[in-house]
Amino acid sequence: MTSNRVLIADDHPLFREALSDIVRSVYEEAVDCLEVCNASETLEATEVAGGFDMILLDLLLPGAEGFSCLISLRNKLPSTPIVIVSSTDHDETVRESFSYGAMGYLPKSSSREVMRNALRLVRSGNSYIPSQALGRGGERSPDHMPGSASGVSVMDADKASLTPRQMAVLELLAEGKPNKVIAYELDISEITVKAHVSAILRKLQVNNRLQAVIAAKNLIAQA
């Protein structure tokens, strides 16, 4: 009986087979790949088959509307890494996927080597995002991205000199929460949250909230 289990949700049999081969090349030990082809089968699998070490999810599954399947999976399995594998690579779709809890985003046009390296990163607790979503014009393989899974240079918490309040804001950013919710949970004004976010971006030497979220996942993992 294998201890590693990966759920692969895609409606194309050949692509599911290819993903299964890639997943097995990522795990040194045995891994059981469960393949499903639509949204209902994906959600049912989480009910009857127990937990998974990772989920590979196509956003355009039959029966899914927008990010509905991703949101449902994240609510049911909050600690399971979910990697979106999709033919859609629009920047806004990538960003929204991360805001809804994805740990990685792989365009289906990615090479097998990029996919393998990305899955290794996600399995180790990091995030992977194609660099074009960060405005860098073209995807880069994770093995060419020193310091983080996205190519963003991430400083450790001491070097970043984040205050405890800024770290609290950063952790909530990493959960995909908007400023209004962060303000409510920390009992501060939304204007104060915006000021903290600006300071965080400056101290982490990143340009936007998405880069800060990726940096947060690395900082929290190092804490």
N, C-alpha and C. Protein backbone atom coordinates (compact mmCIF):
# COMPACT_ATOMS: atom_id res chain seq x y z
N MET A 1 0.84 -1.20 0.00
CA MET A 1 0.00 0.00 0.00
C MET A 1 0.88 1.25 0.00
N THR A 2 0.61 2.19 -0.91
CA THR A 2 1.44 3.38 -1.01
C THR A 2 0.97 4.44 -0.02
N SER A 3 1.90 5.26 0.44
CA SER A 3 1.56 6.32 1.38
C SER A 3 1.35 7.65 0.68
N ASN A 4 1.82 7.77 -0.55
CA ASN A 4 1.68 9.02 -1.31
C ASN A 4 0.53 8.90 -2.30
N ARG A 5 -0.34 9.91 -2.29
CA ARG A 5 -1.52 9.87 -3.17
C ARG A 5 -1.71 11.24 -3.79
N VAL A 6 -1.89 11.24 -5.11
CA VAL A 6 -2.07 12.49 -5.85
C VAL A 6 -3.36 12.39 -6.67
N LEU A 7 -4.17 13.43 -6.61
CA LEU A 7 -5.40 13.49 -7.39
C LEU A 7 -5.15 14.32 -8.64
N ILE A 8 -5.47 13.74 -9.80
CA ILE A 8 -5.28 14.43 -11.08
C ILE A 8 -6.65 14.62 -11.72
N ALA A 9 -7.07 15.89 -11.83
CA ALA A 9 -8.39 16.21 -12.35
C ALA A 9 -8.27 16.93 -13.68
N ASP A 10 -8.58 16.22 -14.76
CA ASP A 10 -8.50 16.79 -16.10
C ASP A 10 -9.41 15.97 -17.01
N ASP A 11 -10.04 16.61 -17.99
CA ASP A 11 -10.99 15.88 -18.82
C ASP A 11 -10.36 15.26 -20.07
N HIS A 12 -9.05 15.39 -20.22
CA HIS A 12 -8.37 14.78 -21.37
C HIS A 12 -7.56 13.57 -20.92
N PRO A 13 -7.96 12.35 -21.33
CA PRO A 13 -7.28 11.12 -20.88
C PRO A 13 -5.78 11.11 -21.14
N LEU A 14 -5.37 11.55 -22.32
CA LEU A 14 -3.94 11.53 -22.65
C LEU A 14 -3.15 12.48 -21.77
N PHE A 15 -3.75 13.64 -21.46
CA PHE A 15 -3.04 14.59 -20.60
C PHE A 15 -2.99 14.09 -19.17
N ARG A 16 -4.06 13.43 -18.71
CA ARG A 16 -4.03 12.82 -17.37
C ARG A 16 -2.92 11.79 -17.29
N GLU A 17 -2.78 11.00 -18.34
CA GLU A 17 -1.73 9.97 -18.37
C GLU A 17 -0.35 10.61 -18.32
N ALA A 18 -0.18 11.70 -19.08
CA ALA A 18 1.10 12.40 -19.08
C ALA A 18 1.41 12.99 -17.70
N LEU A 19 0.40 13.56 -17.06
CA LEU A 19 0.59 14.12 -15.72
C LEU A 19 0.95 13.02 -14.72
N SER A 20 0.31 11.86 -14.85
CA SER A 20 0.62 10.75 -13.96
C SER A 20 2.08 10.33 -14.09
N ASP A 21 2.58 10.29 -15.31
CA ASP A 21 3.99 9.95 -15.53
C ASP A 21 4.91 10.98 -14.89
N ILE A 22 4.55 12.26 -15.04
CA ILE A 22 5.37 13.33 -14.45
C ILE A 22 5.36 13.24 -12.94
N VAL A 23 4.19 13.01 -12.36
CA VAL A 23 4.08 12.89 -10.91
C VAL A 23 4.95 11.74 -10.40
N ARG A 24 4.90 10.62 -11.07
CA ARG A 24 5.68 9.45 -10.62
C ARG A 24 7.18 9.72 -10.73
N SER A 25 7.58 10.58 -11.65
CA SER A 25 9.00 10.91 -11.78
C SER A 25 9.44 11.88 -10.68
N VAL A 26 8.48 12.57 -10.06
CA VAL A 26 8.79 13.53 -9.00
C VAL A 26 9.00 12.82 -7.66
N TYR A 27 8.22 11.78 -7.42
CA TYR A 27 8.29 11.04 -6.16
C TYR A 27 9.33 9.93 -6.26
N GLU A 28 10.25 9.92 -5.34
CA GLU A 28 11.25 8.84 -5.31
C GLU A 28 10.61 7.54 -4.85
N GLU A 29 9.63 7.65 -3.95
CA GLU A 29 8.92 6.47 -3.45
C GLU A 29 7.65 6.26 -4.28
N ALA A 30 6.95 5.19 -3.97
CA ALA A 30 5.74 4.86 -4.73
C ALA A 30 4.67 5.92 -4.52
N VAL A 31 3.88 6.16 -5.57
CA VAL A 31 2.79 7.13 -5.48
C VAL A 31 1.58 6.60 -6.23
N ASP A 32 0.42 6.80 -5.65
CA ASP A 32 -0.83 6.36 -6.26
C ASP A 32 -1.51 7.58 -6.88
N CYS A 33 -1.70 7.57 -8.20
CA CYS A 33 -2.35 8.68 -8.89
C CYS A 33 -3.81 8.31 -9.19
N LEU A 34 -4.73 9.06 -8.60
CA LEU A 34 -6.15 8.85 -8.87
C LEU A 34 -6.58 9.86 -9.92
N GLU A 35 -7.12 9.39 -11.05
CA GLU A 35 -7.51 10.27 -12.15
C GLU A 35 -9.03 10.44 -12.19
N VAL A 36 -9.47 11.69 -12.32
CA VAL A 36 -10.90 12.00 -12.46
C VAL A 36 -11.05 12.98 -13.61
N CYS A 37 -12.28 13.07 -14.17
CA CYS A 37 -12.44 13.83 -15.41
C CYS A 37 -13.45 14.96 -15.34
N ASN A 38 -14.11 15.18 -14.21
CA ASN A 38 -15.05 16.30 -14.11
C ASN A 38 -15.12 16.80 -12.67
N ALA A 39 -15.86 17.88 -12.47
CA ALA A 39 -15.90 18.52 -11.16
C ALA A 39 -16.54 17.63 -10.10
N SER A 40 -17.62 16.95 -10.45
CA SER A 40 -18.30 16.12 -9.45
C SER A 40 -17.42 14.95 -9.02
N GLU A 41 -16.73 14.30 -9.96
CA GLU A 41 -15.83 13.22 -9.61
C GLU A 41 -14.68 13.72 -8.73
N THR A 42 -14.23 14.94 -9.01
CA THR A 42 -13.13 15.51 -8.23
C THR A 42 -13.55 15.68 -6.78
N LEU A 43 -14.72 16.26 -6.55
CA LEU A 43 -15.19 16.48 -5.19
C LEU A 43 -15.56 15.17 -4.50
N GLU A 44 -16.11 14.23 -5.26
CA GLU A 44 -16.43 12.92 -4.69
C GLU A 44 -15.17 12.19 -4.24
N ALA A 45 -14.10 12.36 -4.99
CA ALA A 45 -12.85 11.68 -4.64
C ALA A 45 -12.35 12.11 -3.27
N THR A 46 -12.59 13.35 -2.91
CA THR A 46 -12.13 13.83 -1.61
C THR A 46 -12.98 13.27 -0.48
N GLU A 47 -14.16 12.76 -0.82
CA GLU A 47 -15.05 12.20 0.20
C GLU A 47 -14.77 10.73 0.46
N VAL A 48 -14.54 9.97 -0.62
CA VAL A 48 -14.46 8.51 -0.47
C VAL A 48 -13.04 7.97 -0.48
N ALA A 49 -12.10 8.77 -0.93
CA ALA A 49 -10.76 8.23 -1.09
C ALA A 49 -9.76 8.75 -0.06
N GLY A 50 -10.23 9.56 0.88
CA GLY A 50 -9.32 10.06 1.90
C GLY A 50 -8.47 11.22 1.43
N GLY A 51 -7.38 11.47 2.12
CA GLY A 51 -6.56 12.63 1.84
C GLY A 51 -5.60 12.43 0.68
N PHE A 52 -5.07 13.55 0.19
CA PHE A 52 -4.10 13.53 -0.90
C PHE A 52 -2.89 14.37 -0.52
N ASP A 53 -1.74 13.99 -1.06
CA ASP A 53 -0.52 14.76 -0.84
C ASP A 53 -0.49 15.99 -1.74
N MET A 54 -1.18 15.91 -2.87
CA MET A 54 -1.21 17.01 -3.83
C MET A 54 -2.39 16.80 -4.77
N ILE A 55 -2.92 17.92 -5.28
CA ILE A 55 -4.01 17.86 -6.27
C ILE A 55 -3.60 18.67 -7.49
N LEU A 56 -3.70 18.07 -8.67
CA LEU A 56 -3.47 18.77 -9.93
C LEU A 56 -4.84 19.01 -10.55
N LEU A 57 -5.19 20.27 -10.76
CA LEU A 57 -6.56 20.62 -11.13
C LEU A 57 -6.62 21.48 -12.39
N ASP A 58 -7.44 21.04 -13.35
CA ASP A 58 -7.74 21.85 -14.52
C ASP A 58 -8.92 22.75 -14.18
N LEU A 59 -8.77 24.05 -14.35
CA LEU A 59 -9.87 24.97 -14.02
C LEU A 59 -11.08 24.77 -14.92
N LEU A 60 -10.88 24.26 -16.12
CA LEU A 60 -11.97 24.15 -17.09
C LEU A 60 -12.61 22.77 -17.09
N LEU A 61 -12.67 22.13 -15.93
CA LEU A 61 -13.31 20.83 -15.83
C LEU A 61 -14.80 20.93 -16.15
N PRO A 62 -15.36 19.93 -16.84
CA PRO A 62 -16.81 19.90 -17.04
C PRO A 62 -17.53 19.92 -15.69
N GLY A 63 -18.52 20.78 -15.59
CA GLY A 63 -19.27 20.89 -14.34
C GLY A 63 -18.77 21.97 -13.41
N ALA A 64 -17.63 22.56 -13.72
CA ALA A 64 -17.08 23.63 -12.88
C ALA A 64 -17.42 24.98 -13.49
N GLU A 65 -17.66 25.96 -12.64
CA GLU A 65 -17.91 27.31 -13.08
C GLU A 65 -16.86 28.22 -12.47
N GLY A 66 -16.05 28.82 -13.33
CA GLY A 66 -15.00 29.70 -12.84
C GLY A 66 -14.05 28.96 -11.91
N PHE A 67 -13.94 29.49 -10.69
CA PHE A 67 -13.03 28.91 -9.71
C PHE A 67 -13.76 28.04 -8.69
N SER A 68 -14.98 27.62 -9.02
CA SER A 68 -15.82 26.92 -8.05
C SER A 68 -15.18 25.65 -7.51
N CYS A 69 -14.55 24.88 -8.39
CA CYS A 69 -13.95 23.62 -7.96
C CYS A 69 -12.72 23.88 -7.07
N LEU A 70 -11.91 24.84 -7.44
CA LEU A 70 -10.76 25.20 -6.62
C LEU A 70 -11.20 25.67 -5.24
N ILE A 71 -12.23 26.51 -5.19
CA ILE A 71 -12.71 27.03 -3.91
C ILE A 71 -13.24 25.89 -3.05
N SER A 72 -14.00 24.99 -3.65
CA SER A 72 -14.56 23.85 -2.89
C SER A 72 -13.45 22.96 -2.35
N LEU A 73 -12.45 22.68 -3.18
CA LEU A 73 -11.34 21.84 -2.74
C LEU A 73 -10.57 22.51 -1.61
N ARG A 74 -10.34 23.82 -1.74
CA ARG A 74 -9.58 24.52 -0.71
C ARG A 74 -10.35 24.53 0.61
N ASN A 75 -11.66 24.65 0.55
CA ASN A 75 -12.46 24.63 1.77
C ASN A 75 -12.47 23.26 2.43
N LYS A 76 -12.50 22.20 1.59
CA LYS A 76 -12.56 20.83 2.12
C LYS A 76 -11.20 20.34 2.57
N LEU A 77 -10.14 20.75 1.86
CA LEU A 77 -8.79 20.27 2.15
C LEU A 77 -7.85 21.47 2.28
N PRO A 78 -7.97 22.22 3.37
CA PRO A 78 -7.23 23.48 3.49
C PRO A 78 -5.71 23.36 3.48
N SER A 79 -5.19 22.19 3.84
CA SER A 79 -3.73 22.05 3.92
C SER A 79 -3.13 21.29 2.73
N THR A 80 -3.96 20.85 1.80
CA THR A 80 -3.46 20.09 0.65
C THR A 80 -2.99 21.02 -0.47
N PRO A 81 -1.75 20.89 -0.94
CA PRO A 81 -1.28 21.73 -2.04
C PRO A 81 -2.08 21.47 -3.31
N ILE A 82 -2.56 22.54 -3.93
CA ILE A 82 -3.31 22.43 -5.18
C ILE A 82 -2.55 23.17 -6.27
N VAL A 83 -2.28 22.46 -7.36
CA VAL A 83 -1.59 23.06 -8.51
C VAL A 83 -2.57 23.12 -9.68
N ILE A 84 -2.78 24.32 -10.21
CA ILE A 84 -3.62 24.46 -11.39
C ILE A 84 -2.80 24.11 -12.62
N VAL A 85 -3.34 23.22 -13.44
CA VAL A 85 -2.71 22.86 -14.72
C VAL A 85 -3.75 23.17 -15.80
N SER A 86 -3.52 24.24 -16.56
CA SER A 86 -4.59 24.73 -17.43
C SER A 86 -4.06 25.24 -18.76
N SER A 87 -4.92 25.19 -19.77
CA SER A 87 -4.58 25.76 -21.06
C SER A 87 -4.72 27.28 -21.04
N THR A 88 -5.36 27.79 -20.01
CA THR A 88 -5.52 29.24 -19.84
C THR A 88 -4.35 29.80 -19.07
N ASP A 89 -3.68 30.80 -19.62
CA ASP A 89 -2.53 31.37 -18.92
C ASP A 89 -2.62 32.89 -18.82
N HIS A 90 -3.85 33.42 -18.83
CA HIS A 90 -4.03 34.86 -18.68
C HIS A 90 -3.57 35.28 -17.28
N ASP A 91 -2.91 36.43 -17.23
CA ASP A 91 -2.36 36.90 -15.96
C ASP A 91 -3.41 36.96 -14.86
N GLU A 92 -4.59 37.50 -15.19
CA GLU A 92 -5.62 37.67 -14.16
C GLU A 92 -6.09 36.32 -13.63
N THR A 93 -6.18 35.32 -14.51
CA THR A 93 -6.59 33.99 -14.07
C THR A 93 -5.55 33.40 -13.12
N VAL A 94 -4.28 33.58 -13.46
CA VAL A 94 -3.20 33.09 -12.59
C VAL A 94 -3.28 33.76 -11.23
N ARG A 95 -3.44 35.07 -11.21
CA ARG A 95 -3.49 35.81 -9.96
C ARG A 95 -4.68 35.39 -9.11
N GLU A 96 -5.84 35.25 -9.74
CA GLU A 96 -7.03 34.85 -8.99
C GLU A 96 -6.88 33.44 -8.43
N SER A 97 -6.23 32.56 -9.18
CA SER A 97 -6.02 31.20 -8.69
C SER A 97 -5.25 31.21 -7.38
N PHE A 98 -4.23 32.05 -7.30
CA PHE A 98 -3.45 32.14 -6.07
C PHE A 98 -4.28 32.77 -4.96
N SER A 99 -5.12 33.73 -5.30
CA SER A 99 -5.95 34.37 -4.27
C SER A 99 -6.95 33.39 -3.69
N TYR A 100 -7.33 32.36 -4.48
CA TYR A 100 -8.26 31.34 -4.00
C TYR A 100 -7.55 30.13 -3.40
N GLY A 101 -6.24 30.22 -3.26
CA GLY A 101 -5.53 29.20 -2.50
C GLY A 101 -4.67 28.23 -3.26
N ALA A 102 -4.49 28.43 -4.58
CA ALA A 102 -3.58 27.55 -5.32
C ALA A 102 -2.15 27.76 -4.85
N MET A 103 -1.36 26.68 -4.90
CA MET A 103 0.05 26.76 -4.53
C MET A 103 0.95 26.82 -5.76
N GLY A 104 0.37 26.52 -6.93
CA GLY A 104 1.14 26.56 -8.16
C GLY A 104 0.23 26.71 -9.35
N TYR A 105 0.78 27.18 -10.46
CA TYR A 105 0.01 27.35 -11.69
C TYR A 105 0.90 26.96 -12.86
N LEU A 106 0.49 25.93 -13.58
CA LEU A 106 1.26 25.43 -14.71
C LEU A 106 0.44 25.50 -16.00
N PRO A 107 0.83 26.34 -16.94
CA PRO A 107 0.21 26.29 -18.26
C PRO A 107 0.47 24.92 -18.90
N LYS A 108 -0.49 24.41 -19.64
CA LYS A 108 -0.31 23.10 -20.27
C LYS A 108 0.77 23.13 -21.35
N SER A 109 1.16 24.32 -21.76
CA SER A 109 2.23 24.43 -22.74
C SER A 109 3.61 24.27 -22.10
N SER A 110 3.68 24.17 -20.78
CA SER A 110 4.96 24.02 -20.09
C SER A 110 5.63 22.71 -20.49
N SER A 111 6.95 22.71 -20.51
CA SER A 111 7.68 21.48 -20.81
C SER A 111 7.57 20.51 -19.64
N ARG A 112 7.84 19.25 -19.92
CA ARG A 112 7.80 18.23 -18.86
C ARG A 112 8.80 18.56 -17.75
N GLU A 113 9.96 19.08 -18.12
CA GLU A 113 10.96 19.40 -17.11
C GLU A 113 10.50 20.54 -16.22
N VAL A 114 9.87 21.56 -16.80
CA VAL A 114 9.33 22.65 -16.00
C VAL A 114 8.28 22.12 -15.04
N MET A 115 7.40 21.25 -15.54
CA MET A 115 6.37 20.69 -14.69
C MET A 115 6.96 19.88 -13.54
N ARG A 116 7.96 19.07 -13.85
CA ARG A 116 8.60 18.27 -12.79
C ARG A 116 9.21 19.16 -11.72
N ASN A 117 9.96 20.17 -12.14
CA ASN A 117 10.60 21.05 -11.18
C ASN A 117 9.57 21.84 -10.37
N ALA A 118 8.50 22.26 -11.03
CA ALA A 118 7.46 23.01 -10.33
C ALA A 118 6.79 22.13 -9.27
N LEU A 119 6.49 20.89 -9.61
CA LEU A 119 5.84 20.00 -8.66
C LEU A 119 6.76 19.67 -7.49
N ARG A 120 8.05 19.56 -7.77
CA ARG A 120 9.00 19.34 -6.67
C ARG A 120 8.97 20.52 -5.70
N LEU A 121 8.91 21.73 -6.25
CA LEU A 121 8.86 22.92 -5.40
C LEU A 121 7.60 22.95 -4.55
N VAL A 122 6.47 22.67 -5.17
CA VAL A 122 5.21 22.68 -4.42
C VAL A 122 5.21 21.58 -3.37
N ARG A 123 5.73 20.43 -3.73
CA ARG A 123 5.78 19.33 -2.77
C ARG A 123 6.63 19.69 -1.56
N SER A 124 7.66 20.51 -1.76
CA SER A 124 8.55 20.90 -0.66
C SER A 124 7.99 22.07 0.16
N GLY A 125 6.79 22.54 -0.21
CA GLY A 125 6.16 23.59 0.57
C GLY A 125 6.27 24.98 -0.01
N ASN A 126 6.87 25.10 -1.21
CA ASN A 126 6.99 26.40 -1.86
C ASN A 126 5.86 26.61 -2.87
N SER A 127 5.84 27.77 -3.48
CA SER A 127 4.86 28.08 -4.52
C SER A 127 5.56 28.17 -5.87
N TYR A 128 4.80 27.91 -6.92
CA TYR A 128 5.35 28.10 -8.27
C TYR A 128 4.34 28.88 -9.09
N ILE A 129 4.84 29.92 -9.74
CA ILE A 129 3.99 30.70 -10.63
C ILE A 129 4.80 31.04 -11.87
N PRO A 130 4.20 30.95 -13.07
CA PRO A 130 4.93 31.32 -14.28
C PRO A 130 5.31 32.80 -14.22
N SER A 131 6.53 33.11 -14.58
CA SER A 131 7.03 34.47 -14.39
C SER A 131 6.31 35.50 -15.25
N GLN A 132 5.61 35.08 -16.31
CA GLN A 132 4.90 36.08 -17.10
C GLN A 132 3.77 36.70 -16.28
N ALA A 133 3.29 35.99 -15.28
CA ALA A 133 2.24 36.54 -14.43
C ALA A 133 2.79 37.62 -13.51
N LEU A 134 4.11 37.67 -13.37
CA LEU A 134 4.75 38.72 -12.58
C LEU A 134 5.25 39.85 -13.47
N GLY A 135 4.83 39.81 -14.75
CA GLY A 135 5.19 40.88 -15.65
C GLY A 135 6.60 40.76 -16.19
N ARG A 136 7.13 39.52 -16.27
CA ARG A 136 8.52 39.36 -16.70
C ARG A 136 8.64 38.85 -18.13
N GLY A 137 7.49 38.65 -18.77
CA GLY A 137 7.53 38.33 -20.20
C GLY A 137 8.17 37.01 -20.52
N GLY A 138 7.52 35.93 -20.16
CA GLY A 138 8.04 34.62 -20.53
C GLY A 138 8.27 33.75 -19.34
N GLU A 139 7.92 32.48 -19.47
CA GLU A 139 8.02 31.55 -18.39
C GLU A 139 9.47 31.13 -18.16
N ARG A 140 9.81 30.92 -16.89
CA ARG A 140 11.14 30.43 -16.54
C ARG A 140 10.99 29.17 -15.73
N SER A 141 11.90 28.27 -15.95
CA SER A 141 11.86 27.01 -15.21
C SER A 141 12.23 27.25 -13.76
N PRO A 142 11.57 26.55 -12.81
CA PRO A 142 11.85 26.73 -11.41
C PRO A 142 13.31 26.51 -11.05
N ASP A 143 14.01 25.63 -11.77
CA ASP A 143 15.39 25.39 -11.40
C ASP A 143 16.30 26.55 -11.79
N HIS A 144 15.74 27.58 -12.44
CA HIS A 144 16.50 28.77 -12.74
C HIS A 144 16.01 29.95 -11.91
N MET A 145 15.36 29.66 -10.81
CA MET A 145 14.77 30.70 -9.98
C MET A 145 15.32 30.64 -8.58
N PRO A 146 16.53 31.10 -8.34
CA PRO A 146 17.11 31.03 -7.02
C PRO A 146 16.37 31.90 -6.03
N GLY A 147 16.27 31.39 -4.77
CA GLY A 147 15.70 32.20 -3.70
C GLY A 147 14.23 31.97 -3.47
N SER A 148 13.48 31.60 -4.49
CA SER A 148 12.07 31.32 -4.29
C SER A 148 11.55 30.57 -5.49
N ALA A 149 10.29 30.12 -5.38
CA ALA A 149 9.70 29.34 -6.45
C ALA A 149 9.28 30.20 -7.62
N SER A 150 9.29 31.49 -7.48
CA SER A 150 8.77 32.34 -8.54
C SER A 150 9.81 33.20 -9.20
N GLY A 151 11.05 33.18 -8.70
CA GLY A 151 12.06 34.07 -9.22
C GLY A 151 12.13 35.36 -8.43
N VAL A 152 11.22 35.55 -7.45
CA VAL A 152 11.25 36.74 -6.62
C VAL A 152 12.33 36.57 -5.57
N SER A 153 13.15 37.58 -5.39
CA SER A 153 14.19 37.51 -4.38
C SER A 153 13.56 37.71 -3.01
N VAL A 154 13.61 36.68 -2.15
CA VAL A 154 12.95 36.72 -0.86
C VAL A 154 13.98 36.87 0.25
N MET A 155 13.81 37.88 1.08
CA MET A 155 14.71 38.09 2.20
C MET A 155 14.14 37.38 3.42
N ASP A 156 14.99 37.03 4.39
CA ASP A 156 14.44 36.42 5.59
C ASP A 156 13.85 37.50 6.47
N ALA A 157 13.10 37.10 7.50
CA ALA A 157 12.33 38.04 8.29
C ALA A 157 13.22 39.07 8.98
N ASP A 158 14.40 38.66 9.48
CA ASP A 158 15.28 39.59 10.16
C ASP A 158 15.79 40.65 9.20
N LYS A 159 16.26 40.22 8.02
CA LYS A 159 16.79 41.17 7.05
C LYS A 159 15.70 42.10 6.53
N ALA A 160 14.49 41.57 6.41
CA ALA A 160 13.39 42.40 5.93
C ALA A 160 12.97 43.41 6.98
N SER A 161 13.31 43.16 8.27
CA SER A 161 12.98 44.07 9.36
C SER A 161 11.49 44.35 9.46
N LEU A 162 10.70 43.33 9.23
CA LEU A 162 9.25 43.50 9.35
C LEU A 162 8.87 43.57 10.82
N THR A 163 7.95 44.48 11.13
CA THR A 163 7.45 44.57 12.49
C THR A 163 6.47 43.42 12.74
N PRO A 164 6.16 43.12 14.01
CA PRO A 164 5.17 42.06 14.29
C PRO A 164 3.83 42.32 13.60
N ARG A 165 3.40 43.59 13.57
CA ARG A 165 2.13 43.91 12.92
C ARG A 165 2.22 43.67 11.42
N GLN A 166 3.35 44.02 10.82
CA GLN A 166 3.53 43.79 9.39
C GLN A 166 3.56 42.30 9.07
N MET A 167 4.17 41.51 9.95
CA MET A 167 4.17 40.06 9.75
C MET A 167 2.74 39.51 9.83
N ALA A 168 1.94 40.06 10.74
CA ALA A 168 0.55 39.62 10.86
C ALA A 168 -0.23 39.94 9.59
N VAL A 169 0.00 41.15 9.05
CA VAL A 169 -0.65 41.53 7.79
C VAL A 169 -0.18 40.62 6.67
N LEU A 170 1.12 40.32 6.63
CA LEU A 170 1.68 39.49 5.59
C LEU A 170 1.09 38.07 5.62
N GLU A 171 0.92 37.52 6.82
CA GLU A 171 0.34 36.18 6.94
C GLU A 171 -1.08 36.15 6.41
N LEU A 172 -1.86 37.21 6.67
CA LEU A 172 -3.23 37.26 6.15
C LEU A 172 -3.24 37.48 4.65
N LEU A 173 -2.26 38.24 4.14
CA LEU A 173 -2.13 38.39 2.69
C LEU A 173 -1.90 37.02 2.05
N ALA A 174 -1.08 36.21 2.71
CA ALA A 174 -0.75 34.88 2.18
C ALA A 174 -1.97 33.98 2.12
N GLU A 175 -2.99 34.29 2.93
CA GLU A 175 -4.24 33.52 2.92
C GLU A 175 -5.21 34.06 1.87
N GLY A 176 -4.77 35.08 1.13
CA GLY A 176 -5.60 35.63 0.07
C GLY A 176 -6.68 36.59 0.54
N LYS A 177 -6.56 37.12 1.76
CA LYS A 177 -7.60 37.98 2.31
C LYS A 177 -7.42 39.42 1.84
N PRO A 178 -8.52 40.10 1.50
CA PRO A 178 -8.45 41.49 1.05
C PRO A 178 -8.21 42.44 2.22
N ASN A 179 -7.89 43.69 1.91
CA ASN A 179 -7.59 44.67 2.96
C ASN A 179 -8.72 44.82 3.98
N LYS A 180 -9.95 44.80 3.50
CA LYS A 180 -11.09 45.00 4.40
C LYS A 180 -11.16 43.91 5.45
N VAL A 181 -10.93 42.67 5.04
CA VAL A 181 -10.98 41.54 5.97
C VAL A 181 -9.78 41.59 6.92
N ILE A 182 -8.62 41.93 6.38
CA ILE A 182 -7.42 42.05 7.22
C ILE A 182 -7.64 43.11 8.30
N ALA A 183 -8.23 44.23 7.90
CA ALA A 183 -8.50 45.31 8.86
C ALA A 183 -9.43 44.82 9.97
N TYR A 184 -10.45 44.06 9.59
CA TYR A 184 -11.41 43.55 10.58
C TYR A 184 -10.74 42.57 11.54
N GLU A 185 -9.96 41.64 10.98
CA GLU A 185 -9.35 40.60 11.83
C GLU A 185 -8.28 41.16 12.77
N LEU A 186 -7.59 42.21 12.33
CA LEU A 186 -6.54 42.80 13.16
C LEU A 186 -7.04 44.01 13.96
N ASP A 187 -8.31 44.35 13.76
CA ASP A 187 -8.93 45.47 14.47
C ASP A 187 -8.17 46.78 14.23
N ILE A 188 -7.87 47.03 12.97
CA ILE A 188 -7.23 48.28 12.57
C ILE A 188 -7.99 48.83 11.38
N SER A 189 -7.70 50.08 10.99
CA SER A 189 -8.41 50.68 9.87
C SER A 189 -7.87 50.15 8.54
N GLU A 190 -8.69 50.25 7.51
CA GLU A 190 -8.27 49.80 6.18
C GLU A 190 -7.13 50.66 5.66
N ILE A 191 -7.14 51.94 6.03
CA ILE A 191 -6.05 52.84 5.63
C ILE A 191 -4.73 52.37 6.24
N THR A 192 -4.79 51.92 7.51
CA THR A 192 -3.60 51.41 8.18
C THR A 192 -3.09 50.15 7.49
N VAL A 193 -4.03 49.29 7.07
CA VAL A 193 -3.64 48.07 6.35
C VAL A 193 -2.90 48.44 5.08
N LYS A 194 -3.43 49.41 4.33
CA LYS A 194 -2.78 49.83 3.08
C LYS A 194 -1.37 50.35 3.34
N ALA A 195 -1.21 51.06 4.45
CA ALA A 195 0.12 51.58 4.79
C ALA A 195 1.07 50.43 5.11
N HIS A 196 0.57 49.42 5.85
CA HIS A 196 1.40 48.26 6.16
C HIS A 196 1.78 47.51 4.89
N VAL A 197 0.82 47.35 3.98
CA VAL A 197 1.09 46.63 2.73
C VAL A 197 2.18 47.36 1.93
N SER A 198 2.08 48.68 1.87
CA SER A 198 3.10 49.46 1.15
C SER A 198 4.47 49.26 1.77
N ALA A 199 4.53 49.25 3.11
CA ALA A 199 5.80 49.06 3.80
C ALA A 199 6.35 47.66 3.55
N ILE A 200 5.45 46.67 3.53
CA ILE A 200 5.86 45.28 3.29
C ILE A 200 6.46 45.14 1.90
N LEU A 201 5.79 45.71 0.90
CA LEU A 201 6.30 45.63 -0.48
C LEU A 201 7.69 46.25 -0.57
N ARG A 202 7.86 47.38 0.11
CA ARG A 202 9.15 48.07 0.07
C ARG A 202 10.24 47.24 0.75
N LYS A 203 9.94 46.71 1.93
CA LYS A 203 10.94 45.96 2.70
C LYS A 203 11.30 44.63 2.05
N LEU A 204 10.31 44.00 1.41
CA LEU A 204 10.59 42.72 0.75
C LEU A 204 11.14 42.92 -0.66
N GLN A 205 11.18 44.16 -1.09
CA GLN A 205 11.69 44.50 -2.42
C GLN A 205 10.90 43.79 -3.52
N VAL A 206 9.58 43.83 -3.38
CA VAL A 206 8.68 43.29 -4.39
C VAL A 206 7.77 44.41 -4.88
N ASN A 207 7.06 44.14 -5.99
CA ASN A 207 6.31 45.20 -6.65
C ASN A 207 4.80 45.13 -6.48
N ASN A 208 4.28 43.98 -6.05
CA ASN A 208 2.84 43.88 -5.93
C ASN A 208 2.45 42.84 -4.88
N ARG A 209 1.14 42.75 -4.63
CA ARG A 209 0.64 41.87 -3.57
C ARG A 209 0.92 40.40 -3.88
N LEU A 210 0.85 40.03 -5.16
CA LEU A 210 1.09 38.64 -5.52
C LEU A 210 2.51 38.23 -5.17
N GLN A 211 3.47 39.09 -5.50
CA GLN A 211 4.86 38.79 -5.14
C GLN A 211 5.02 38.74 -3.62
N ALA A 212 4.29 39.61 -2.91
CA ALA A 212 4.35 39.60 -1.45
C ALA A 212 3.79 38.31 -0.88
N VAL A 213 2.71 37.81 -1.50
CA VAL A 213 2.12 36.54 -1.05
C VAL A 213 3.12 35.41 -1.20
N ILE A 214 3.81 35.37 -2.34
CA ILE A 214 4.81 34.33 -2.56
C ILE A 214 5.94 34.46 -1.54
N ALA A 215 6.37 35.70 -1.29
CA ALA A 215 7.40 35.94 -0.30
C ALA A 215 6.92 35.51 1.08
N ALA A 216 5.65 35.76 1.37
CA ALA A 216 5.09 35.40 2.68
C ALA A 216 5.16 33.91 2.92
N LYS A 217 4.83 33.12 1.90
CA LYS A 217 4.85 31.67 2.06
C LYS A 217 6.26 31.19 2.41
N ASN A 218 7.25 31.81 1.83
CA ASN A 218 8.63 31.43 2.12
C ASN A 218 9.05 31.90 3.51
N LEU A 219 8.66 33.11 3.87
CA LEU A 219 9.02 33.64 5.20
C LEU A 219 8.36 32.82 6.29
N ILE A 220 7.08 32.48 6.12
CA ILE A 220 6.36 31.71 7.12
C ILE A 220 6.97 30.31 7.25
N ALA A 221 7.37 29.73 6.11
CA ALA A 221 7.97 28.39 6.14
C ALA A 221 9.31 28.41 6.87
N GLN A 222 10.02 29.55 6.79
CA GLN A 222 11.32 29.66 7.44
C GLN A 222 11.23 29.99 8.91
N ALA A 223 10.03 30.46 9.35
CA ALA A 223 9.88 30.93 10.73
C ALA A 223 9.96 29.77 11.72
